[in-house]
């Protein structure tokens, strides 16, 4: 993944198929960002002191 330019762990990584997607489309290769980013936004903006 590092050689391919990753700076985080990718949800799926197949060096033989760089367009591989767990969701059946190369347009969407990760839903993780939204699920982790949205709660942190709300916590920082609405629930922090």
PDB file of N, CA and C in Angstrom:
ATOM      1  N   UNK A   1       0.825  -1.188   0.000  1.00  0.00           N
ATOM      2  CA  UNK A   1       0.000   0.000   0.000  1.00  0.00           C
ATOM      3  C   UNK A   1       0.873   1.257   0.000  1.00  0.00           C
ATOM      4  N   UNK A   2       1.965   1.234   0.724  1.00  0.00           N
ATOM      5  CA  UNK A   2       2.852   2.403   0.745  1.00  0.00           C
ATOM      6  C   UNK A   2       3.411   2.704  -0.633  1.00  0.00           C
ATOM      7  N   UNK A   3       3.814   1.668  -1.346  1.00  0.00           N
ATOM      8  CA  UNK A   3       4.337   1.878  -2.697  1.00  0.00           C
ATOM      9  C   UNK A   3       3.284   2.440  -3.645  1.00  0.00           C
ATOM     10  N   UNK A   4       2.010   2.185  -3.355  1.00  0.00           N
ATOM     11  CA  UNK A   4       0.923   2.683  -4.190  1.00  0.00           C
ATOM     12  C   UNK A   4       0.465   4.079  -3.771  1.00  0.00           C
ATOM     13  N   UNK A   5       1.074   4.641  -2.706  1.00  0.00           N
ATOM     14  CA  UNK A   5       0.752   6.004  -2.300  1.00  0.00           C
ATOM     15  C   UNK A   5      -0.167   6.120  -1.101  1.00  0.00           C
ATOM     16  N   UNK A   6      -0.440   5.030  -0.409  1.00  0.00           N
ATOM     17  CA  UNK A   6      -1.351   5.085   0.739  1.00  0.00           C
ATOM     18  C   UNK A   6      -0.705   5.797   1.919  1.00  0.00           C
ATOM     19  N   UNK A   7      -1.508   6.566   2.625  1.00  0.00           N
ATOM     20  CA  UNK A   7      -1.047   7.148   3.889  1.00  0.00           C
ATOM     21  C   UNK A   7      -1.924   6.675   5.048  1.00  0.00           C
ATOM     22  N   UNK A   8      -2.871   5.782   4.754  1.00  0.00           N
ATOM     23  CA  UNK A   8      -3.694   5.085   5.750  1.00  0.00           C
ATOM     24  C   UNK A   8      -3.889   3.658   5.249  1.00  0.00           C
ATOM     25  N   UNK A   9      -4.470   2.797   6.095  1.00  0.00           N
ATOM     26  CA  UNK A   9      -4.810   1.457   5.630  1.00  0.00           C
ATOM     27  C   UNK A   9      -6.053   1.538   4.768  1.00  0.00           C
ATOM     28  N   UNK A  10      -5.980   0.955   3.596  1.00  0.00           N
ATOM     29  CA  UNK A  10      -7.127   0.946   2.702  1.00  0.00           C
ATOM     30  C   UNK A  10      -8.092  -0.149   3.100  1.00  0.00           C
ATOM     31  N   UNK A  11      -9.375   0.091   2.845  1.00  0.00           N
ATOM     32  CA  UNK A  11     -10.406  -0.883   3.189  1.00  0.00           C
ATOM     33  C   UNK A  11     -10.220  -2.185   2.420  1.00  0.00           C
ATOM     34  N   UNK A  12      -9.780  -2.082   1.195  1.00  0.00           N
ATOM     35  CA  UNK A  12      -9.441  -3.262   0.386  1.00  0.00           C
ATOM     36  C   UNK A  12      -8.160  -2.945  -0.358  1.00  0.00           C
ATOM     37  N   UNK A  13      -7.291  -3.933  -0.449  1.00  0.00           N
ATOM     38  CA  UNK A  13      -6.048  -3.743  -1.184  1.00  0.00           C
ATOM     39  C   UNK A  13      -5.693  -5.031  -1.897  1.00  0.00           C
ATOM     40  N   UNK A  14      -5.692  -4.968  -3.206  1.00  0.00           N
ATOM     41  CA  UNK A  14      -5.294  -6.088  -4.037  1.00  0.00           C
ATOM     42  C   UNK A  14      -4.273  -5.550  -5.036  1.00  0.00           C
ATOM     43  N   UNK A  15      -2.980  -5.778  -4.804  1.00  0.00           N
ATOM     44  CA  UNK A  15      -1.978  -5.219  -5.700  1.00  0.00           C
ATOM     45  C   UNK A  15      -2.116  -5.714  -7.144  1.00  0.00           C
ATOM     46  N   UNK A  16      -2.768  -6.855  -7.342  1.00  0.00           N
ATOM     47  CA  UNK A  16      -2.999  -7.361  -8.695  1.00  0.00           C
ATOM     48  C   UNK A  16      -4.176  -6.664  -9.372  1.00  0.00           C
ATOM     49  N   UNK A  17      -5.060  -6.049  -8.594  1.00  0.00           N
ATOM     50  CA  UNK A  17      -6.240  -5.362  -9.132  1.00  0.00           C
ATOM     51  C   UNK A  17      -6.459  -4.056  -8.376  1.00  0.00           C
ATOM     52  N   UNK A  18      -5.778  -2.981  -8.776  1.00  0.00           N
ATOM     53  CA  UNK A  18      -5.895  -1.717  -8.036  1.00  0.00           C
ATOM     54  C   UNK A  18      -7.279  -1.069  -8.080  1.00  0.00           C
ATOM     55  N   UNK A  19      -8.164  -1.544  -8.959  1.00  0.00           N
ATOM     56  CA  UNK A  19      -9.519  -0.993  -9.006  1.00  0.00           C
ATOM     57  C   UNK A  19     -10.512  -1.835  -8.217  1.00  0.00           C
ATOM     58  N   UNK A  20     -10.029  -2.818  -7.456  1.00  0.00           N
ATOM     59  CA  UNK A  20     -10.911  -3.684  -6.672  1.00  0.00           C
ATOM     60  C   UNK A  20     -11.721  -2.876  -5.667  1.00  0.00           C
ATOM     61  N   UNK A  21     -12.973  -3.251  -5.508  1.00  0.00           N
ATOM     62  CA  UNK A  21     -13.864  -2.567  -4.578  1.00  0.00           C
ATOM     63  C   UNK A  21     -14.729  -3.596  -3.861  1.00  0.00           C
ATOM     64  N   UNK A  22     -14.907  -3.451  -2.545  1.00  0.00           N
ATOM     65  CA  UNK A  22     -15.795  -4.370  -1.844  1.00  0.00           C
ATOM     66  C   UNK A  22     -17.271  -4.084  -2.113  1.00  0.00           C
ATOM     67  N   UNK A  23     -17.560  -3.031  -2.869  1.00  0.00           N
ATOM     68  CA  UNK A  23     -18.938  -2.611  -3.097  1.00  0.00           C
ATOM     69  C   UNK A  23     -19.397  -2.801  -4.540  1.00  0.00           C
ATOM     70  N   UNK A  24     -18.569  -3.472  -5.355  1.00  0.00           N
ATOM     71  CA  UNK A  24     -18.975  -3.791  -6.711  1.00  0.00           C
ATOM     72  C   UNK A  24     -18.821  -2.675  -7.721  1.00  0.00           C
ATOM     73  N   UNK A  25     -18.185  -1.582  -7.360  1.00  0.00           N
ATOM     74  CA  UNK A  25     -17.972  -0.480  -8.288  1.00  0.00           C
ATOM     75  C   UNK A  25     -16.652   0.191  -7.963  1.00  0.00           C
ATOM     76  N   UNK A  26     -15.861   0.457  -8.982  1.00  0.00           N
ATOM     77  CA  UNK A  26     -14.604   1.142  -8.722  1.00  0.00           C
ATOM     78  C   UNK A  26     -14.811   2.622  -8.384  1.00  0.00           C
ATOM     79  N   UNK A  27     -16.028   3.123  -8.570  1.00  0.00           N
ATOM     80  CA  UNK A  27     -16.315   4.503  -8.174  1.00  0.00           C
ATOM     81  C   UNK A  27     -16.378   4.647  -6.655  1.00  0.00           C
ATOM     82  N   UNK A  28     -16.727   3.556  -5.971  1.00  0.00           N
ATOM     83  CA  UNK A  28     -16.821   3.568  -4.507  1.00  0.00           C
ATOM     84  C   UNK A  28     -15.906   2.469  -3.985  1.00  0.00           C
ATOM     85  N   UNK A  29     -14.816   2.858  -3.345  1.00  0.00           N
ATOM     86  CA  UNK A  29     -13.949   1.830  -2.796  1.00  0.00           C
ATOM     87  C   UNK A  29     -13.863   1.898  -1.282  1.00  0.00           C
ATOM     88  N   UNK A  30     -14.561   2.874  -0.671  1.00  0.00           N
ATOM     89  CA  UNK A  30     -14.567   2.935   0.785  1.00  0.00           C
ATOM     90  C   UNK A  30     -15.741   3.767   1.287  1.00  0.00           C
ATOM     91  N   UNK A  31     -16.484   3.202   2.214  1.00  0.00           N
ATOM     92  CA  UNK A  31     -17.510   3.952   2.926  1.00  0.00           C
ATOM     93  C   UNK A  31     -17.022   4.318   4.322  1.00  0.00           C
ATOM     94  N   UNK A  32     -15.828   3.851   4.674  1.00  0.00           N
ATOM     95  CA  UNK A  32     -15.322   4.051   6.036  1.00  0.00           C
ATOM     96  C   UNK A  32     -15.148   5.521   6.388  1.00  0.00           C
ATOM     97  N   UNK A  33     -14.707   6.337   5.438  1.00  0.00           N
ATOM     98  CA  UNK A  33     -14.427   7.735   5.755  1.00  0.00           C
ATOM     99  C   UNK A  33     -15.661   8.458   6.287  1.00  0.00           C
ATOM    100  N   UNK A  34     -16.779   8.263   5.645  1.00  0.00           N
ATOM    101  CA  UNK A  34     -18.004   8.937   6.088  1.00  0.00           C
ATOM    102  C   UNK A  34     -18.427   8.457   7.473  1.00  0.00           C
ATOM    103  N   UNK A  35     -18.352   7.166   7.700  1.00  0.00           N
ATOM    104  CA  UNK A  35     -18.792   6.626   8.988  1.00  0.00           C
ATOM    105  C   UNK A  35     -17.888   7.041  10.129  1.00  0.00           C
ATOM    106  N   UNK A  36     -16.626   7.311   9.868  1.00  0.00           N
ATOM    107  CA  UNK A  36     -15.741   7.752  10.946  1.00  0.00           C
ATOM    108  C   UNK A  36     -15.634   9.268  10.999  1.00  0.00           C
ATOM    109  N   UNK A  37     -15.756   9.933   9.865  1.00  0.00           N
ATOM    110  CA  UNK A  37     -15.608  11.378   9.831  1.00  0.00           C
ATOM    111  C   UNK A  37     -16.811  12.141  10.361  1.00  0.00           C
ATOM    112  N   UNK A  38     -18.004  11.677  10.061  1.00  0.00           N
ATOM    113  CA  UNK A  38     -19.215  12.383  10.479  1.00  0.00           C
ATOM    114  C   UNK A  38     -19.364  12.439  11.996  1.00  0.00           C
ATOM    115  N   UNK A  39     -19.231  11.332  12.723  1.00  0.00           N
ATOM    116  CA  UNK A  39     -19.352  11.436  14.190  1.00  0.00           C
ATOM    117  C   UNK A  39     -18.305  12.360  14.797  1.00  0.00           C
ATOM    118  N   UNK A  40     -17.074  12.325  14.289  1.00  0.00           N
ATOM    119  CA  UNK A  40     -16.052  13.204  14.870  1.00  0.00           C
ATOM    120  C   UNK A  40     -16.386  14.674  14.607  1.00  0.00           C
ATOM    121  N   UNK A  41     -16.983  14.984  13.463  1.00  0.00           N
ATOM    122  CA  UNK A  41     -17.411  16.358  13.182  1.00  0.00           C
ATOM    123  C   UNK A  41     -18.454  16.812  14.208  1.00  0.00           C
ATOM    124  N   UNK A  42     -19.475  15.985  14.424  1.00  0.00           N
ATOM    125  CA  UNK A  42     -20.529  16.365  15.369  1.00  0.00           C
ATOM    126  C   UNK A  42     -20.001  16.463  16.802  1.00  0.00           C
ATOM    127  N   UNK A  43     -19.144  15.541  17.185  1.00  0.00           N
ATOM    128  CA  UNK A  43     -18.580  15.596  18.535  1.00  0.00           C
ATOM    129  C   UNK A  43     -17.778  16.873  18.723  1.00  0.00           C
ATOM    130  N   UNK A  44     -16.923  17.210  17.749  1.00  0.00           N
ATOM    131  CA  UNK A  44     -16.112  18.430  17.868  1.00  0.00           C
ATOM    132  C   UNK A  44     -16.957  19.697  17.856  1.00  0.00           C
ATOM    133  N   UNK A  45     -18.019  19.725  17.071  1.00  0.00           N
ATOM    134  CA  UNK A  45     -18.775  20.962  16.891  1.00  0.00           C
ATOM    135  C   UNK A  45     -19.980  21.118  17.795  1.00  0.00           C
ATOM    136  N   UNK A  46     -20.521  20.036  18.320  1.00  0.00           N
ATOM    137  CA  UNK A  46     -21.742  20.154  19.086  1.00  0.00           C
ATOM    138  C   UNK A  46     -21.665  19.594  20.491  1.00  0.00           C
ATOM    139  N   UNK A  47     -20.670  18.763  20.786  1.00  0.00           N
ATOM    140  CA  UNK A  47     -20.638  18.111  22.086  1.00  0.00           C
ATOM    141  C   UNK A  47     -19.354  18.352  22.864  1.00  0.00           C
ATOM    142  N   UNK A  48     -18.472  19.193  22.367  1.00  0.00           N
ATOM    143  CA  UNK A  48     -17.232  19.457  23.098  1.00  0.00           C
ATOM    144  C   UNK A  48     -17.399  20.741  23.916  1.00  0.00           C
ATOM    145  N   UNK A  49     -16.583  20.853  24.930  1.00  0.00           N
ATOM    146  CA  UNK A  49     -16.664  22.046  25.792  1.00  0.00           C
ATOM    147  C   UNK A  49     -16.051  23.252  25.160  1.00  0.00           C
TER     148      UNK A  49
END
